[in-house]
Amino acid sequence: MRDKVIKELIDTERVYVDSLRFFVEYVYNPLEQSSIADKDTMSAIFSNITQLLAVNQEFLRNLENQSMPLGDTLYQIGDYFRSYSFYCNRHAEGVAVLHGAVKRSKDMQAYFSKVSPNRGLYGIEDMLIKPVQRICKYPLLLRELLRYTPPAHPDRAKLESALEKIQSITKEINEKKRDVDSSRLLIEIDKVLVGDGFEVIAPTRRLVKRGTVKKHGKKTSKSHLILFNDVLLVTSPKIGGKYDLKDVVDLSVALVNGEPDIKVRNAFELINVPRNKKHNFSVGSAEERDEWIEALNSIINEHLERGVMESKKRTTAMLPTSRRPLPEIPEEGRELQMRRFFCMYNDTRLIEMPKNNCRFEDMMDMLKRKFGIVSCSAWYISPSNGEELQIVSQGELDRCMSEGVRDLLIRTG
């Protein structure tokens, strides 16, 4: 039985590597070599997928060649699997960027239709989710392998250590899986929503609640509400599972009234304050009404608390000049002046450095503060030759910047 589990591990790894290699060679590489997508878009959509391919190709070679005991192979590869945490943490944002890019660019739309003629964009999404699914499969295979490995077997100790190491990685990833699931829900909603002027897919947006209600105005009609963590969509159901978008309520400037001035049971009212527009809804039970009111108020209160924090920041303008924080760069100019780096250590964190005056010492100090460590080193994969290089000086940092690198691997020491 142990041999059967090992065979399943190798067979499924071979299928995974083949599919990943095909995706990189026939989808990623041609797009990267074209002028259709810029470096930032490529990095956001595909993240470090080429690094994952290299890691798993080496893993598969070791499995097939049996160049070392299986326990040693699995234990050693555990450290390299940390690159999956970086990929998974950015997956949801990548899918959002993919959809936005295709909507804005006919060339992008045509390219993905060409490379994925049967399923189009959804075939690309299926491939982008594969690394997330694969890394979560390893603990299951390892537990099954341990089940059929006797306590006295020479592989036993290393297999247990490998399982512990990979489980710590998948735990981090599973905490982010909600974002991936949320992203897929947004995509499904985007498919069935009819109406212009609203982008469903956004990196920080998540679905909170949805349901069918009665809407009361000059006449009573059926509505379908879709509640996100920033807005409420008021839609009208259509034949074929589609929904007509009727209104978008910004919840940062909204109020909920649980006792509206209408003679209908189980009703609640949502008020768009700046527009002085009211929506009156009713549902089938008092319990359902309370659930809607609680969900709406929870989001509205979050926005109110965030507004209080912003207000506190604005009071710093009253401080003497010597005590004021440096002014923030306006959002519309930030991309022109700053370079963002996605830095992976135990988790992934974002730092921003000036494009025209990025000093090596400042970057290292920022990384130590960001991760709360005493000393560290920064590494990156060179886009020009695929080598892993350490940033050890100002010259190496300048080279890293000139090559458009965005992803850094942080190590202690």
Foldseek 3Di string as FASTA:
>chain_A
DLVVLLVVVLVVLVVLLVLLVCCCVQPVVVVVPDPLDDPVLSCLQQPVSVLVSVLSVVLSVCSVVVPDPPLVSLLVSLVSCLVLQRLLLRNLRNLLSLVVSVVVDVVSQVSQCVSPVPPRPVVVNVSSCSSVVVLVCVLVSLVVSLVPADPPHPSNVSSVNSSVSSVLSNVSSVVSVQSVVQSVVLVVLVVQEDDDDDDSRDNPKGWDDKDWWWWDDPHIAIWIWTDILFWIWTWHDDPPRHTYTDDIAGLLQKDKAQDDPDPDPQKIWIARPVVRDIIIIHDDDVVVSVVVNVSSVVSNVVSVVVVVVVVVLVCLVVPPPVPHDDDDDPPVCDVVFWAWAFEDESHTDIDIAGLVDGAPVVVQVVVCVVVVHDGKWKWDQQPVPRDIDTDDHRVSVNVCSVSVHRYIYIGGD
